[in-house]
Amino acid sequence: DEVEIEDMEWNAELGAYTYPCPCGDLFQITLADLRLGEEIARC
């Protein structure tokens, strides 16, 4: 899927923006990844 960063939630414990995955876990992308221009959040 394609998700706007505004629709993701900041998780301080993980140090990452997260979004629910259908498998029950969370897609994650870190602030460091975003600073580097990364656009893929992985489960």
Full PDB file with SEQRES, HELIX, SHEET, SSBOND, CRYST1, ORIGX, SCALE, CONECT and MASTER records, all heavy atoms in Angstrom:
SEQRES   1 A   43  ASP GLU VAL GLU ILE GLU ASP MET GLU TRP ASN ALA GLU          
SEQRES   2 A   43  LEU GLY ALA TYR THR TYR PRO CYS PRO CYS GLY ASP LEU          
SEQRES   3 A   43  PHE GLN ILE THR LEU ALA ASP LEU ARG LEU GLY GLU GLU          
SEQRES   4 A   43  ILE ALA ARG CYS                                              
HELIX    1 AA1 ILE A    5  ASP A    7  5                                   3    
HELIX    2 AA2 LEU A   31  ARG A   35  1                                   5    
SHEET    1 AA1 3 GLU A   9  ASN A  11  0                                        
SHEET    2 AA1 3 ALA A  16  PRO A  20 -1                                        
SHEET    3 AA1 3 LEU A  26  THR A  30 -1                                        
CRYST1    1.000    1.000    1.000  90.00  90.00  90.00 P 1           1          
ORIGX1      1.000000  0.000000  0.000000        0.00000                         
ORIGX2      0.000000  1.000000  0.000000        0.00000                         
ORIGX3      0.000000  0.000000  1.000000        0.00000                         
SCALE1      1.000000  0.000000  0.000000        0.00000                         
SCALE2      0.000000  1.000000  0.000000        0.00000                         
SCALE3      0.000000  0.000000  1.000000        0.00000                         
ATOM      1  N   ASP A   1       0.845  -1.187   0.000  1.00  0.00           N  
ATOM      2  CA  ASP A   1       0.000   0.000   0.000  1.00  0.00           C  
ATOM      3  C   ASP A   1       0.881   1.238   0.000  1.00  0.00           C  
ATOM      4  O   ASP A   1       2.099   1.146   0.156  1.00  0.00           O  
ATOM      5  CB  ASP A   1      -0.892   0.001   1.248  1.00  0.00           C  
ATOM      6  CG  ASP A   1      -2.138   0.872   1.106  1.00  0.00           C  
ATOM      7  OD1 ASP A   1      -2.300   1.541   0.067  1.00  0.00           O  
ATOM      8  OD2 ASP A   1      -2.963   0.872   2.044  1.00  0.00           O  
ATOM      9  N   GLU A   2       0.255   2.383  -0.170  1.00  0.00           N  
ATOM     10  CA  GLU A   2       0.938   3.669  -0.112  1.00  0.00           C  
ATOM     11  C   GLU A   2       0.258   4.471   0.991  1.00  0.00           C  
ATOM     12  O   GLU A   2      -0.964   4.616   0.993  1.00  0.00           O  
ATOM     13  CB  GLU A   2       0.808   4.372  -1.463  1.00  0.00           C  
ATOM     14  CG  GLU A   2       1.622   5.617  -1.598  1.00  0.00           C  
ATOM     15  CD  GLU A   2       1.562   6.166  -3.007  1.00  0.00           C  
ATOM     16  OE1 GLU A   2       2.296   5.666  -3.877  1.00  0.00           O  
ATOM     17  OE2 GLU A   2       0.756   7.083  -3.239  1.00  0.00           O  
ATOM     18  N   VAL A   3       1.031   4.973   1.956  1.00  0.00           N  
ATOM     19  CA  VAL A   3       0.461   5.636   3.129  1.00  0.00           C  
ATOM     20  C   VAL A   3       1.153   6.977   3.352  1.00  0.00           C  
ATOM     21  O   VAL A   3       2.373   7.072   3.252  1.00  0.00           O  
ATOM     22  CB  VAL A   3       0.644   4.742   4.386  1.00  0.00           C  
ATOM     23  CG1 VAL A   3       0.161   5.451   5.632  1.00  0.00           C  
ATOM     24  CG2 VAL A   3      -0.080   3.425   4.212  1.00  0.00           C  
ATOM     25  N   GLU A   4       0.359   8.002   3.662  1.00  0.00           N  
ATOM     26  CA  GLU A   4       0.907   9.314   4.003  1.00  0.00           C  
ATOM     27  C   GLU A   4       1.528   9.240   5.399  1.00  0.00           C  
ATOM     28  O   GLU A   4       0.991   8.585   6.291  1.00  0.00           O  
ATOM     29  CB  GLU A   4      -0.209  10.366   4.023  1.00  0.00           C  
ATOM     30  CG  GLU A   4      -0.923  10.531   2.695  1.00  0.00           C  
ATOM     31  CD  GLU A   4      -0.234  11.490   1.759  1.00  0.00           C  
ATOM     32  OE1 GLU A   4       0.574  12.313   2.238  1.00  0.00           O  
ATOM     33  OE2 GLU A   4      -0.500  11.407   0.558  1.00  0.00           O  
ATOM     34  N   ILE A   5       2.626   9.926   5.615  1.00  0.00           N  
ATOM     35  CA  ILE A   5       3.297   9.918   6.911  1.00  0.00           C  
ATOM     36  C   ILE A   5       2.348  10.418   8.005  1.00  0.00           C  
ATOM     37  O   ILE A   5       2.400   9.956   9.143  1.00  0.00           O  
ATOM     38  CB  ILE A   5       4.617  10.742   6.890  1.00  0.00           C  
ATOM     39  CG1 ILE A   5       5.454  10.490   8.146  1.00  0.00           C  
ATOM     40  CG2 ILE A   5       4.342  12.224   6.717  1.00  0.00           C  
ATOM     41  CD1 ILE A   5       6.169   9.195   8.170  1.00  0.00           C  
ATOM     42  N   GLU A   6       1.439  11.316   7.660  1.00  0.00           N  
ATOM     43  CA  GLU A   6       0.476  11.848   8.624  1.00  0.00           C  
ATOM     44  C   GLU A   6      -0.470  10.767   9.142  1.00  0.00           C  
ATOM     45  O   GLU A   6      -1.054  10.904  10.216  1.00  0.00           O  
ATOM     46  CB  GLU A   6      -0.346  12.988   8.008  1.00  0.00           C  
ATOM     47  CG  GLU A   6       0.448  14.243   7.710  1.00  0.00           C  
ATOM     48  CD  GLU A   6       1.173  14.195   6.363  1.00  0.00           C  
ATOM     49  OE1 GLU A   6       0.938  13.244   5.579  1.00  0.00           O  
ATOM     50  OE2 GLU A   6       1.990  15.082   6.103  1.00  0.00           O  
ATOM     51  N   ASP A   7      -0.642   9.699   8.376  1.00  0.00           N  
ATOM     52  CA  ASP A   7      -1.523   8.597   8.778  1.00  0.00           C  
ATOM     53  C   ASP A   7      -0.799   7.560   9.633  1.00  0.00           C  
ATOM     54  O   ASP A   7      -1.430   6.634  10.140  1.00  0.00           O  
ATOM     55  CB  ASP A   7      -2.132   7.914   7.553  1.00  0.00           C  
ATOM     56  CG  ASP A   7      -3.047   8.843   6.782  1.00  0.00           C  
ATOM     57  OD1 ASP A   7      -3.652   9.738   7.409  1.00  0.00           O  
ATOM     58  OD2 ASP A   7      -3.158   8.682   5.555  1.00  0.00           O  
ATOM     59  N   MET A   8       0.502   7.721   9.782  1.00  0.00           N  
ATOM     60  CA  MET A   8       1.289   6.805  10.606  1.00  0.00           C  
ATOM     61  C   MET A   8       1.390   7.371  12.021  1.00  0.00           C  
ATOM     62  O   MET A   8       1.123   8.549  12.247  1.00  0.00           O  
ATOM     63  CB  MET A   8       2.677   6.602   9.996  1.00  0.00           C  
ATOM     64  CG  MET A   8       2.615   5.979   8.605  1.00  0.00           C  
ATOM     65  SD  MET A   8       4.236   5.684   7.894  1.00  0.00           S  
ATOM     66  CE  MET A   8       4.661   4.135   8.682  1.00  0.00           C  
ATOM     67  N   GLU A   9       1.748   6.529  12.962  1.00  0.00           N  
ATOM     68  CA  GLU A   9       1.847   6.942  14.360  1.00  0.00           C  
ATOM     69  C   GLU A   9       3.293   6.833  14.828  1.00  0.00           C  
ATOM     70  O   GLU A   9       3.968   5.852  14.541  1.00  0.00           O  
ATOM     71  CB  GLU A   9       0.964   6.024  15.202  1.00  0.00           C  
ATOM     72  CG  GLU A   9       0.883   6.423  16.651  1.00  0.00           C  
ATOM     73  CD  GLU A   9      -0.120   5.568  17.404  1.00  0.00           C  
ATOM     74  OE1 GLU A   9      -1.228   5.343  16.889  1.00  0.00           O  
ATOM     75  OE2 GLU A   9       0.242   5.115  18.508  1.00  0.00           O  
ATOM     76  N   TRP A  10       3.758   7.851  15.562  1.00  0.00           N  
ATOM     77  CA  TRP A  10       5.113   7.817  16.123  1.00  0.00           C  
ATOM     78  C   TRP A  10       5.115   6.889  17.327  1.00  0.00           C  
ATOM     79  O   TRP A  10       4.293   7.000  18.229  1.00  0.00           O  
ATOM     80  CB  TRP A  10       5.575   9.214  16.516  1.00  0.00           C  
ATOM     81  CG  TRP A  10       6.899   9.171  17.218  1.00  0.00           C  
ATOM     82  CD1 TRP A  10       7.136   9.391  18.538  1.00  0.00           C  
ATOM     83  CD2 TRP A  10       8.169   8.858  16.630  1.00  0.00           C  
ATOM     84  NE1 TRP A  10       8.483   9.246  18.804  1.00  0.00           N  
ATOM     85  CE2 TRP A  10       9.140   8.914  17.654  1.00  0.00           C  
ATOM     86  CE3 TRP A  10       8.572   8.537  15.336  1.00  0.00           C  
ATOM     87  CZ2 TRP A  10      10.485   8.673  17.418  1.00  0.00           C  
ATOM     88  CZ3 TRP A  10       9.911   8.286  15.102  1.00  0.00           C  
ATOM     89  CH2 TRP A  10      10.852   8.348  16.131  1.00  0.00           C  
ATOM     90  N   ASN A  11       6.049   5.949  17.348  1.00  0.00           N  
ATOM     91  CA  ASN A  11       6.203   5.022  18.469  1.00  0.00           C  
ATOM     92  C   ASN A  11       7.576   5.290  19.078  1.00  0.00           C  
ATOM     93  O   ASN A  11       8.596   4.874  18.521  1.00  0.00           O  
ATOM     94  CB  ASN A  11       6.082   3.576  17.973  1.00  0.00           C  
ATOM     95  CG  ASN A  11       6.163   2.562  19.081  1.00  0.00           C  
ATOM     96  OD1 ASN A  11       7.005   2.665  19.978  1.00  0.00           O  
ATOM     97  ND2 ASN A  11       5.312   1.565  19.003  1.00  0.00           N  
ATOM     98  N   ALA A  12       7.585   5.979  20.220  1.00  0.00           N  
ATOM     99  CA  ALA A  12       8.849   6.354  20.857  1.00  0.00           C  
ATOM    100  C   ALA A  12       9.633   5.125  21.311  1.00  0.00           C  
ATOM    101  O   ALA A  12      10.856   5.115  21.271  1.00  0.00           O  
ATOM    102  CB  ALA A  12       8.588   7.284  22.038  1.00  0.00           C  
ATOM    103  N   GLU A  13       8.937   4.081  21.730  1.00  0.00           N  
ATOM    104  CA  GLU A  13       9.605   2.852  22.184  1.00  0.00           C  
ATOM    105  C   GLU A  13      10.408   2.213  21.051  1.00  0.00           C  
ATOM    106  O   GLU A  13      11.523   1.742  21.251  1.00  0.00           O  
ATOM    107  CB  GLU A  13       8.560   1.872  22.704  1.00  0.00           C  
ATOM    108  CG  GLU A  13       9.144   0.628  23.330  1.00  0.00           C  
ATOM    109  CD  GLU A  13       8.060  -0.280  23.893  1.00  0.00           C  
ATOM    110  OE1 GLU A  13       7.227   0.219  24.661  1.00  0.00           O  
ATOM    111  OE2 GLU A  13       8.065  -1.468  23.545  1.00  0.00           O  
ATOM    112  N   LEU A  14       9.844   2.215  19.850  1.00  0.00           N  
ATOM    113  CA  LEU A  14      10.542   1.649  18.684  1.00  0.00           C  
ATOM    114  C   LEU A  14      11.443   2.673  18.002  1.00  0.00           C  
ATOM    115  O   LEU A  14      12.311   2.316  17.219  1.00  0.00           O  
ATOM    116  CB  LEU A  14       9.532   1.122  17.660  1.00  0.00           C  
ATOM    117  CG  LEU A  14       8.651  -0.050  18.081  1.00  0.00           C  
ATOM    118  CD1 LEU A  14       7.606  -0.339  17.003  1.00  0.00           C  
ATOM    119  CD2 LEU A  14       9.511  -1.286  18.323  1.00  0.00           C  
ATOM    120  N   GLY A  15      11.195   3.954  18.269  1.00  0.00           N  
ATOM    121  CA  GLY A  15      11.944   5.005  17.582  1.00  0.00           C  
ATOM    122  C   GLY A  15      11.612   5.032  16.109  1.00  0.00           C  
ATOM    123  O   GLY A  15      12.466   5.271  15.268  1.00  0.00           O  
ATOM    124  N   ALA A  16      10.316   4.793  15.799  1.00  0.00           N  
ATOM    125  CA  ALA A  16       9.902   4.686  14.403  1.00  0.00           C  
ATOM    126  C   ALA A  16       8.442   5.094  14.230  1.00  0.00           C  
ATOM    127  O   ALA A  16       7.650   5.028  15.165  1.00  0.00           O  
ATOM    128  CB  ALA A  16      10.078   3.250  13.922  1.00  0.00           C  
ATOM    129  N   TYR A  17       8.121   5.521  13.025  1.00  0.00           N  
ATOM    130  CA  TYR A  17       6.728   5.699  12.658  1.00  0.00           C  
ATOM    131  C   TYR A  17       6.183   4.315  12.327  1.00  0.00           C  
ATOM    132  O   TYR A  17       6.872   3.504  11.709  1.00  0.00           O  
ATOM    133  CB  TYR A  17       6.599   6.620  11.436  1.00  0.00           C  
ATOM    134  CG  TYR A  17       6.768   8.075  11.784  1.00  0.00           C  
ATOM    135  CD1 TYR A  17       8.012   8.686  11.712  1.00  0.00           C  
ATOM    136  CD2 TYR A  17       5.684   8.844  12.176  1.00  0.00           C  
ATOM    137  CE1 TYR A  17       8.172  10.023  12.038  1.00  0.00           C  
ATOM    138  CE2 TYR A  17       5.825  10.178  12.503  1.00  0.00           C  
ATOM    139  CZ  TYR A  17       7.069  10.757  12.427  1.00  0.00           C  
ATOM    140  OH  TYR A  17       7.225  12.084  12.748  1.00  0.00           O  
ATOM    141  N   THR A  18       4.957   4.050  12.739  1.00  0.00           N  
ATOM    142  CA  THR A  18       4.373   2.727  12.536  1.00  0.00           C  
ATOM    143  C   THR A  18       2.988   2.828  11.890  1.00  0.00           C  
ATOM    144  O   THR A  18       2.331   3.878  11.943  1.00  0.00           O  
ATOM    145  CB  THR A  18       4.238   1.967  13.866  1.00  0.00           C  
ATOM    146  OG1 THR A  18       3.352   2.690  14.727  1.00  0.00           O  
ATOM    147  CG2 THR A  18       5.585   1.784  14.545  1.00  0.00           C  
ATOM    148  N   TYR A  19       2.593   1.702  11.306  1.00  0.00           N  
ATOM    149  CA  TYR A  19       1.275   1.589  10.676  1.00  0.00           C  
ATOM    150  C   TYR A  19       0.879   0.120  10.762  1.00  0.00           C  
ATOM    151  O   TYR A  19       1.723  -0.754  10.544  1.00  0.00           O  
ATOM    152  CB  TYR A  19       1.364   2.043   9.212  1.00  0.00           C  
ATOM    153  CG  TYR A  19       0.034   2.198   8.544  1.00  0.00           C  
ATOM    154  CD1 TYR A  19      -0.731   3.356   8.727  1.00  0.00           C  
ATOM    155  CD2 TYR A  19      -0.463   1.203   7.707  1.00  0.00           C  
ATOM    156  CE1 TYR A  19      -1.955   3.508   8.095  1.00  0.00           C  
ATOM    157  CE2 TYR A  19      -1.685   1.357   7.082  1.00  0.00           C  
ATOM    158  CZ  TYR A  19      -2.428   2.511   7.279  1.00  0.00           C  
ATOM    159  OH  TYR A  19      -3.644   2.666   6.653  1.00  0.00           O  
ATOM    160  N   PRO A  20      -0.377  -0.181  11.095  1.00  0.00           N  
ATOM    161  CA  PRO A  20      -0.789  -1.583  11.263  1.00  0.00           C  
ATOM    162  C   PRO A  20      -0.605  -2.415   9.989  1.00  0.00           C  
ATOM    163  O   PRO A  20      -0.959  -1.989   8.895  1.00  0.00           O  
ATOM    164  CB  PRO A  20      -2.270  -1.493  11.621  1.00  0.00           C  
ATOM    165  CG  PRO A  20      -2.484  -0.087  12.084  1.00  0.00           C  
ATOM    166  CD  PRO A  20      -1.461   0.740  11.360  1.00  0.00           C  
ATOM    167  N   CYS A  21      -0.065  -3.610  10.157  1.00  0.00           N  
ATOM    168  CA  CYS A  21       0.107  -4.569   9.066  1.00  0.00           C  
ATOM    169  C   CYS A  21      -1.009  -5.617   9.185  1.00  0.00           C  
ATOM    170  O   CYS A  21      -1.405  -5.969  10.297  1.00  0.00           O  
ATOM    171  CB  CYS A  21       1.481  -5.243   9.185  1.00  0.00           C  
ATOM    172  SG  CYS A  21       1.804  -6.449   7.876  1.00  0.00           S  
ATOM    173  N   PRO A  22      -1.489  -6.133   8.070  1.00  0.00           N  
ATOM    174  CA  PRO A  22      -2.538  -7.153   8.132  1.00  0.00           C  
ATOM    175  C   PRO A  22      -2.121  -8.404   8.905  1.00  0.00           C  
ATOM    176  O   PRO A  22      -2.981  -9.125   9.409  1.00  0.00           O  
ATOM    177  CB  PRO A  22      -2.812  -7.504   6.669  1.00  0.00           C  
ATOM    178  CG  PRO A  22      -2.177  -6.462   5.854  1.00  0.00           C  
ATOM    179  CD  PRO A  22      -1.147  -5.785   6.698  1.00  0.00           C  
ATOM    180  N   CYS A  23      -0.828  -8.649   9.055  1.00  0.00           N  
ATOM    181  CA  CYS A  23      -0.373  -9.841   9.775  1.00  0.00           C  
ATOM    182  C   CYS A  23      -0.504  -9.681  11.288  1.00  0.00           C  
ATOM    183  O   CYS A  23      -0.327 -10.627  12.038  1.00  0.00           O  
ATOM    184  CB  CYS A  23       1.066 -10.193   9.401  1.00  0.00           C  
ATOM    185  SG  CYS A  23       2.317  -9.194  10.239  1.00  0.00           S  
ATOM    186  N   GLY A  24      -0.808  -8.461  11.741  1.00  0.00           N  
ATOM    187  CA  GLY A  24      -0.955  -8.205  13.164  1.00  0.00           C  
ATOM    188  C   GLY A  24       0.201  -7.434  13.772  1.00  0.00           C  
ATOM    189  O   GLY A  24       0.109  -6.949  14.891  1.00  0.00           O  
ATOM    190  N   ASP A  25       1.305  -7.316  13.057  1.00  0.00           N  
ATOM    191  CA  ASP A  25       2.459  -6.549  13.530  1.00  0.00           C  
ATOM    192  C   ASP A  25       2.334  -5.118  13.010  1.00  0.00           C  
ATOM    193  O   ASP A  25       1.255  -4.699  12.601  1.00  0.00           O  
ATOM    194  CB  ASP A  25       3.760  -7.214  13.058  1.00  0.00           C  
ATOM    195  CG  ASP A  25       4.956  -6.892  13.954  1.00  0.00           C  
ATOM    196  OD1 ASP A  25       4.880  -5.936  14.741  1.00  0.00           O  
ATOM    197  OD2 ASP A  25       5.972  -7.603  13.852  1.00  0.00           O  
ATOM    198  N   LEU A  26       3.434  -4.382  12.983  1.00  0.00           N  
ATOM    199  CA  LEU A  26       3.432  -2.998  12.527  1.00  0.00           C  
ATOM    200  C   LEU A  26       4.493  -2.762  11.460  1.00  0.00           C  
ATOM    201  O   LEU A  26       5.634  -3.192  11.614  1.00  0.00           O  
ATOM    202  CB  LEU A  26       3.728  -2.054  13.698  1.00  0.00           C  
ATOM    203  CG  LEU A  26       2.725  -2.024  14.837  1.00  0.00           C  
ATOM    204  CD1 LEU A  26       3.309  -1.255  16.025  1.00  0.00           C  
ATOM    205  CD2 LEU A  26       1.419  -1.402  14.390  1.00  0.00           C  
ATOM    206  N   PHE A  27       4.118  -2.055  10.397  1.00  0.00           N  
ATOM    207  CA  PHE A  27       5.112  -1.546   9.455  1.00  0.00           C  
ATOM    208  C   PHE A  27       5.893  -0.493  10.221  1.00  0.00           C  
ATOM    209  O   PHE A  27       5.333   0.232  11.044  1.00  0.00           O  
ATOM    210  CB  PHE A  27       4.437  -0.887   8.251  1.00  0.00           C  
ATOM    211  CG  PHE A  27       3.699  -1.835   7.348  1.00  0.00           C  
ATOM    212  CD1 PHE A  27       2.313  -1.899   7.385  1.00  0.00           C  
ATOM    213  CD2 PHE A  27       4.384  -2.634   6.453  1.00  0.00           C  
ATOM    214  CE1 PHE A  27       1.628  -2.752   6.537  1.00  0.00           C  
ATOM    215  CE2 PHE A  27       3.708  -3.496   5.600  1.00  0.00           C  
ATOM    216  CZ  PHE A  27       2.323  -3.554   5.650  1.00  0.00           C  
ATOM    217  N   GLN A  28       7.200  -0.368   9.944  1.00  0.00           N  
ATOM    218  CA  GLN A  28       8.033   0.579  10.673  1.00  0.00           C  
ATOM    219  C   GLN A  28       8.996   1.298   9.735  1.00  0.00           C  
ATOM    220  O   GLN A  28       9.548   0.692   8.817  1.00  0.00           O  
ATOM    221  CB  GLN A  28       8.877  -0.145  11.722  1.00  0.00           C  
ATOM    222  CG  GLN A  28       8.087  -0.941  12.708  1.00  0.00           C  
ATOM    223  CD  GLN A  28       8.976  -1.780  13.611  1.00  0.00           C  
ATOM    224  OE1 GLN A  28      10.160  -1.500  13.767  1.00  0.00           O  
ATOM    225  NE2 GLN A  28       8.401  -2.816  14.207  1.00  0.00           N  
ATOM    226  N   ILE A  29       9.185   2.590  10.009  1.00  0.00           N  
ATOM    227  CA  ILE A  29      10.222   3.360   9.327  1.00  0.00           C  
ATOM    228  C   ILE A  29      10.785   4.338  10.349  1.00  0.00           C  
ATOM    229  O   ILE A  29      10.037   5.037  11.037  1.00  0.00           O  
ATOM    230  CB  ILE A  29       9.701   4.080   8.054  1.00  0.00           C  
ATOM    231  CG1 ILE A  29      10.871   4.682   7.263  1.00  0.00           C  
ATOM    232  CG2 ILE A  29       8.626   5.102   8.370  1.00  0.00           C  
ATOM    233  CD1 ILE A  29      10.525   5.086   5.841  1.00  0.00           C  
ATOM    234  N   THR A  30      12.112   4.355  10.492  1.00  0.00           N  
ATOM    235  CA  THR A  30      12.742   5.187  11.518  1.00  0.00           C  
ATOM    236  C   THR A  30      12.940   6.623  11.029  1.00  0.00           C  
ATOM    237  O   THR A  30      12.942   6.897   9.826  1.00  0.00           O  
ATOM    238  CB  THR A  30      14.115   4.626  11.926  1.00  0.00           C  
ATOM    239  OG1 THR A  30      14.996   4.724  10.802  1.00  0.00           O  
ATOM    240  CG2 THR A  30      14.006   3.184  12.410  1.00  0.00           C  
ATOM    241  N   LEU A  31      13.144   7.504  11.990  1.00  0.00           N  
ATOM    242  CA  LEU A  31      13.433   8.892  11.675  1.00  0.00           C  
ATOM    243  C   LEU A  31      14.725   8.990  10.874  1.00  0.00           C  
ATOM    244  O   LEU A  31      14.825   9.773   9.928  1.00  0.00           O  
ATOM    245  CB  LEU A  31      13.529   9.694  12.976  1.00  0.00           C  
ATOM    246  CG  LEU A  31      13.518  11.200  12.881  1.00  0.00           C  
ATOM    247  CD1 LEU A  31      12.310  11.707  12.118  1.00  0.00           C  
ATOM    248  CD2 LEU A  31      13.554  11.810  14.265  1.00  0.00           C  
ATOM    249  N   ALA A  32      15.709   8.168  11.213  1.00  0.00           N  
ATOM    250  CA  ALA A  32      16.979   8.152  10.464  1.00  0.00           C  
ATOM    251  C   ALA A  32      16.736   7.762   9.009  1.00  0.00           C  
ATOM    252  O   ALA A  32      17.331   8.343   8.103  1.00  0.00           O  
ATOM    253  CB  ALA A  32      17.969   7.201  11.124  1.00  0.00           C  
ATOM    254  N   ASP A  33      15.874   6.767   8.786  1.00  0.00           N  
ATOM    255  CA  ASP A  33      15.546   6.362   7.418  1.00  0.00           C  
ATOM    256  C   ASP A  33      14.913   7.516   6.653  1.00  0.00           C  
ATOM    257  O   ASP A  33      15.255   7.774   5.490  1.00  0.00           O  
ATOM    258  CB  ASP A  33      14.574   5.177   7.412  1.00  0.00           C  
ATOM    259  CG  ASP A  33      15.206   3.879   7.880  1.00  0.00           C  
ATOM    260  OD1 ASP A  33      16.446   3.750   7.797  1.00  0.00           O  
ATOM    261  OD2 ASP A  33      14.457   2.986   8.315  1.00  0.00           O  
ATOM    262  N   LEU A  34      13.988   8.221   7.302  1.00  0.00           N  
ATOM    263  CA  LEU A  34      13.313   9.346   6.650  1.00  0.00           C  
ATOM    264  C   LEU A  34      14.307  10.444   6.307  1.00  0.00           C  
ATOM    265  O   LEU A  34      14.235  11.033   5.229  1.00  0.00           O  
ATOM    266  CB  LEU A  34      12.204   9.887   7.557  1.00  0.00           C  
ATOM    267  CG  LEU A  34      11.031   8.937   7.800  1.00  0.00           C  
ATOM    268  CD1 LEU A  34      10.149   9.464   8.920  1.00  0.00           C  
ATOM    269  CD2 LEU A  34      10.235   8.709   6.532  1.00  0.00           C  
ATOM    270  N   ARG A  35      15.249  10.711   7.206  1.00  0.00           N  
ATOM    271  CA  ARG A  35      16.273  11.732   6.942  1.00  0.00           C  
ATOM    272  C   ARG A  35      17.130  11.382   5.736  1.00  0.00           C  
ATOM    273  O   ARG A  35      17.633  12.253   5.043  1.00  0.00           O  
ATOM    274  CB  ARG A  35      17.174  11.904   8.159  1.00  0.00           C  
ATOM    275  CG  ARG A  35      16.535  12.643   9.284  1.00  0.00           C  
ATOM    276  CD  ARG A  35      17.546  12.878  10.389  1.00  0.00           C  
ATOM    277  NE  ARG A  35      16.889  13.408  11.563  1.00  0.00           N  
ATOM    278  CZ  ARG A  35      17.066  12.945  12.778  1.00  0.00           C  
ATOM    279  NH1 ARG A  35      17.897  11.952  13.010  1.00  0.00           N  
ATOM    280  NH2 ARG A  35      16.423  13.480  13.790  1.00  0.00           N  
ATOM    281  N   LEU A  36      17.317  10.069   5.510  1.00  0.00           N  
ATOM    282  CA  LEU A  36      18.120   9.605   4.375  1.00  0.00           C  
ATOM    283  C   LEU A  36      17.319   9.532   3.082  1.00  0.00           C  
ATOM    284  O   LEU A  36      17.850   9.179   2.042  1.00  0.00           O  
ATOM    285  CB  LEU A  36      18.705   8.228   4.683  1.00  0.00           C  
ATOM    286  CG  LEU A  36      19.745   8.200   5.802  1.00  0.00           C  
ATOM    287  CD1 LEU A  36      20.097   6.755   6.152  1.00  0.00           C  
ATOM    288  CD2 LEU A  36      20.989   8.963   5.384  1.00  0.00           C  
ATOM    289  N   GLY A  37      16.015   9.852   3.161  1.00  0.00           N  
ATOM    290  CA  GLY A  37      15.182   9.821   1.965  1.00  0.00           C  
ATOM    291  C   GLY A  37      14.525   8.480   1.706  1.00  0.00           C  
ATOM    292  O   GLY A  37      13.908   8.283   0.666  1.00  0.00           O  
ATOM    293  N   GLU A  38      14.625   7.563   2.649  1.00  0.00           N  
ATOM    294  CA  GLU A  38      13.991   6.242   2.506  1.00  0.00           C  
ATOM    295  C   GLU A  38      12.478   6.414   2.476  1.00  0.00           C  
ATOM    296  O   GLU A  38      11.931   7.273   3.165  1.00  0.00           O  
ATOM    297  CB  GLU A  38      14.397   5.348   3.687  1.00  0.00           C  
ATOM    298  CG  GLU A  38      13.794   3.973   3.663  1.00  0.00           C  
ATOM    299  CD  GLU A  38      14.236   3.146   2.471  1.00  0.00           C  
ATOM    300  OE1 GLU A  38      15.446   2.959   2.290  1.00  0.00           O  
ATOM    301  OE2 GLU A  38      13.344   2.691   1.728  1.00  0.00           O  
ATOM    302  N   GLU A  39      11.807   5.622   1.672  1.00  0.00           N  
ATOM    303  CA  GLU A  39      10.348   5.715   1.600  1.00  0.00           C  
ATOM    304  C   GLU A  39       9.666   4.356   1.765  1.00  0.00           C  
ATOM    305  O   GLU A  39       8.482   4.233   1.511  1.00  0.00           O  
ATOM    306  CB  GLU A  39       9.906   6.388   0.309  1.00  0.00           C  
ATOM    307  CG  GLU A  39      10.399   5.721  -0.935  1.00  0.00           C  
ATOM    308  CD  GLU A  39      10.036   6.475  -2.198  1.00  0.00           C  
ATOM    309  OE1 GLU A  39       9.938   7.714  -2.168  1.00  0.00           O  
ATOM    310  OE2 GLU A  39       9.838   5.806  -3.230  1.00  0.00           O  
ATOM    311  N   ILE A  40      10.408   3.363   2.219  1.00  0.00           N  
ATOM    312  CA  ILE A  40       9.849   2.025   2.417  1.00  0.00           C  
ATOM    313  C   ILE A  40       9.754   1.712   3.911  1.00  0.00           C  
ATOM    314  O   ILE A  40      10.746   1.768   4.631  1.00  0.00           O  
ATOM    315  CB  ILE A  40      10.716   0.953   1.723  1.00  0.00           C  
ATOM    316  CG1 ILE A  40      10.813   1.218   0.224  1.00  0.00           C  
ATOM    317  CG2 ILE A  40      10.175  -0.444   2.003  1.00  0.00           C  
ATOM    318  CD1 ILE A  40       9.492   1.168  -0.521  1.00  0.00           C  
ATOM    319  N   ALA A  41       8.530   1.410   4.365  1.00  0.00           N  
ATOM    320  CA  ALA A  41       8.308   0.950   5.742  1.00  0.00           C  
ATOM    321  C   ALA A  41       8.088  -0.550   5.664  1.00  0.00           C  
ATOM    322  O   ALA A  41       7.230  -1.028   4.918  1.00  0.00           O  
ATOM    323  CB  ALA A  41       7.093   1.643   6.350  1.00  0.00           C  
ATOM    324  N   ARG A  42       8.866  -1.297   6.410  1.00  0.00           N  
ATOM    325  CA  ARG A  42       8.799  -2.763   6.366  1.00  0.00           C  
ATOM    326  C   ARG A  42       8.143  -3.330   7.613  1.00  0.00           C  
ATOM    327  O   ARG A  42       8.216  -2.755   8.681  1.00  0.00           O  
ATOM    328  CB  ARG A  42      10.192  -3.347   6.226  1.00  0.00           C  
ATOM    329  CG  ARG A  42      10.898  -2.867   4.978  1.00  0.00           C  
ATOM    330  CD  ARG A  42      12.223  -3.543   4.736  1.00  0.00           C  
ATOM    331  NE  ARG A  42      12.896  -2.960   3.610  1.00  0.00           N  
ATOM    332  CZ  ARG A  42      12.616  -3.211   2.338  1.00  0.00           C  
ATOM    333  NH1 ARG A  42      11.664  -4.045   2.045  1.00  0.00           N  
ATOM    334  NH2 ARG A  42      13.285  -2.623   1.369  1.00  0.00           N  
ATOM    335  N   CYS A  43       7.524  -4.486   7.443  1.00  0.00           N  
ATOM    336  CA  CYS A  43       6.985  -5.217   8.572  1.00  0.00           C  
ATOM    337  C   CYS A  43       8.025  -6.244   8.986  1.00  0.00           C  
ATOM    338  O   CYS A  43       8.499  -7.012   8.143  1.00  0.00           O  
ATOM    339  CB  CYS A  43       5.679  -5.920   8.204  1.00  0.00           C  
ATOM    340  SG  CYS A  43       5.047  -6.938   9.555  1.00  0.00           S  
TER     341      CYS A  43                                                      
MASTER        0    0    0    2    3    0    0    6  340    1    0    4          
END                                                                             
